[in-house]
Every structure is written in structure tokens, then in C-alpha cells.
Protein backbone atom coordinates (compact mmCIF):
# COMPACT_ATOMS: atom_id res chain seq x y z
CA MET A 1 -0.21 64.62 155.87
CA THR A 2 -0.14 68.15 157.24
CA ASP A 3 -1.15 68.66 160.86
CA ILE A 4 -3.80 71.28 161.44
CA THR A 5 -5.11 72.47 164.78
CA LEU A 6 -8.69 73.69 164.83
CA GLN A 7 -9.70 76.03 167.60
CA ASN A 8 -13.00 77.54 168.69
CA LEU A 9 -15.17 74.90 167.05
CA ARG A 10 -18.79 74.95 168.12
CA PRO A 11 -19.38 72.31 170.80
CA LYS A 12 -22.29 70.83 168.81
CA LEU A 13 -20.01 70.32 165.81
CA VAL A 14 -17.43 68.54 167.95
CA GLU A 15 -20.20 66.34 169.38
CA ARG A 16 -21.44 65.45 165.91
CA LEU A 17 -17.95 64.65 164.63
CA THR A 18 -17.21 62.56 167.72
CA ARG A 19 -20.49 60.65 167.35
CA LEU A 20 -19.78 59.95 163.68
CA ALA A 21 -16.30 58.73 164.52
CA GLN A 22 -17.66 56.40 167.22
CA LEU A 23 -20.41 55.05 164.96
CA GLN A 24 -17.89 54.20 162.25
CA GLY A 25 -15.12 53.03 164.54
CA LEU A 26 -12.80 55.71 163.16
CA ALA A 27 -10.51 58.23 164.74
CA LEU A 28 -11.90 61.72 165.22
CA ASP A 29 -9.20 63.22 163.00
CA ALA A 30 -10.15 60.89 160.12
CA VAL A 31 -13.80 61.94 160.32
CA ALA A 32 -12.87 65.62 160.66
CA SER A 33 -10.60 65.35 157.63
CA GLU A 34 -13.37 63.74 155.58
CA ALA A 35 -15.85 66.39 156.71
CA LEU A 36 -13.44 69.16 155.70
CA THR A 37 -12.85 67.56 152.31
CA ILE A 38 -16.56 67.20 151.60
CA GLY A 39 -17.24 70.72 152.89
CA VAL A 40 -14.50 72.32 150.81
CA ASP A 41 -15.71 70.46 147.71
CA ALA A 42 -19.25 71.75 148.32
CA ILE A 43 -18.03 75.33 148.80
CA GLU A 44 -15.91 75.16 145.63
CA ASP A 45 -18.91 73.87 143.66
CA ARG A 46 -21.07 76.71 144.96
CA VAL A 47 -18.43 79.32 144.13
CA ARG A 48 -17.97 77.88 140.62
CA LYS A 49 -21.73 78.03 140.04
CA GLU A 50 -21.92 81.60 141.28
CA LEU A 51 -19.02 82.65 139.05
CA LEU A 52 -20.48 80.79 136.09
CA ASN A 53 -23.87 82.40 136.61
CA THR A 54 -22.26 85.83 136.78
CA ARG A 55 -20.21 85.18 133.64
CA GLU A 56 -23.26 83.82 131.83
CA GLN A 57 -25.31 86.85 132.79
CA VAL A 58 -22.62 89.21 131.53
CA ALA A 59 -22.21 87.23 128.29
CA LEU A 60 -25.97 87.15 127.68
CA LYS A 61 -26.28 90.89 128.34
CA ASP A 62 -23.40 91.59 125.94
CA ALA A 63 -24.90 89.31 123.28
CA ILE A 64 -28.30 91.02 123.52
CA GLU A 65 -26.68 94.44 123.24
CA GLN A 66 -24.79 93.33 120.12
CA ILE A 67 -27.89 91.80 118.53
CA GLN A 68 -29.84 95.01 119.14
CA LYS A 69 -27.20 96.93 117.17
CA VAL A 70 -27.78 94.85 114.01
CA PRO A 71 -29.73 96.89 111.45
CA ASN A 72 -33.27 95.73 110.66
CA ALA A 73 -32.42 95.32 106.99
CA ALA A 74 -30.18 92.38 107.78
CA PHE A 75 -30.15 89.77 110.50
CA GLY A 76 -32.09 92.07 112.79
CA LEU A 77 -35.33 90.77 111.25
CA ILE A 78 -34.70 87.20 112.32
CA GLY A 79 -37.46 86.08 114.65
CA ARG A 80 -39.58 89.17 114.11
CA VAL A 81 -43.05 88.98 112.65
CA LYS A 82 -43.89 91.35 109.83
CA PRO A 83 -47.12 93.30 110.37
CA ARG A 84 -50.02 92.28 108.15
CA GLN A 85 -51.07 94.76 105.52
């Protein structure tokens, strides 16, 4: 496993990690490694969702623009109600 040195961690974070390690009878580095793994997974999920939402928004906008270009004589009438005479 790769060695990583973390500097300038908030004291409260170090306290929390130390407490979790003590409660579980684990080494601090094992708990810190698990916390990093879980944190990175959460960040990747958030980034994926943000990218997906952006892509979906662009795709929906493009689809609406294309649908609006369809002439009324064809598929452009789908879902539209004809006025009563």
C-alpha cells in the first residue's frame, strides 16, 4: 500500500478519527484509510450526478429544440388538442 502523509488536518477531525479507531480497536491509519475511501466514493458519486444532470439538461434542451422544428402538418401535432369549431 502507498504511504501518504496528511498535514494540516483540522484538530477536530483528528480527534474524531482517533476516537473511531479506539472504539473499534483499530489503528488510526486503518480508520483514516477507510474514511478516505468512503469520502472519495461519495465525492465521485456527487460529481457523476452533477455531470449526468448537466448532460440530461443539455440533451432535453436539444430534444425540445428539435421537436419544435417539426412542421405542424406532421408529427408536430402529436399531443396537441385541436380547437373546437
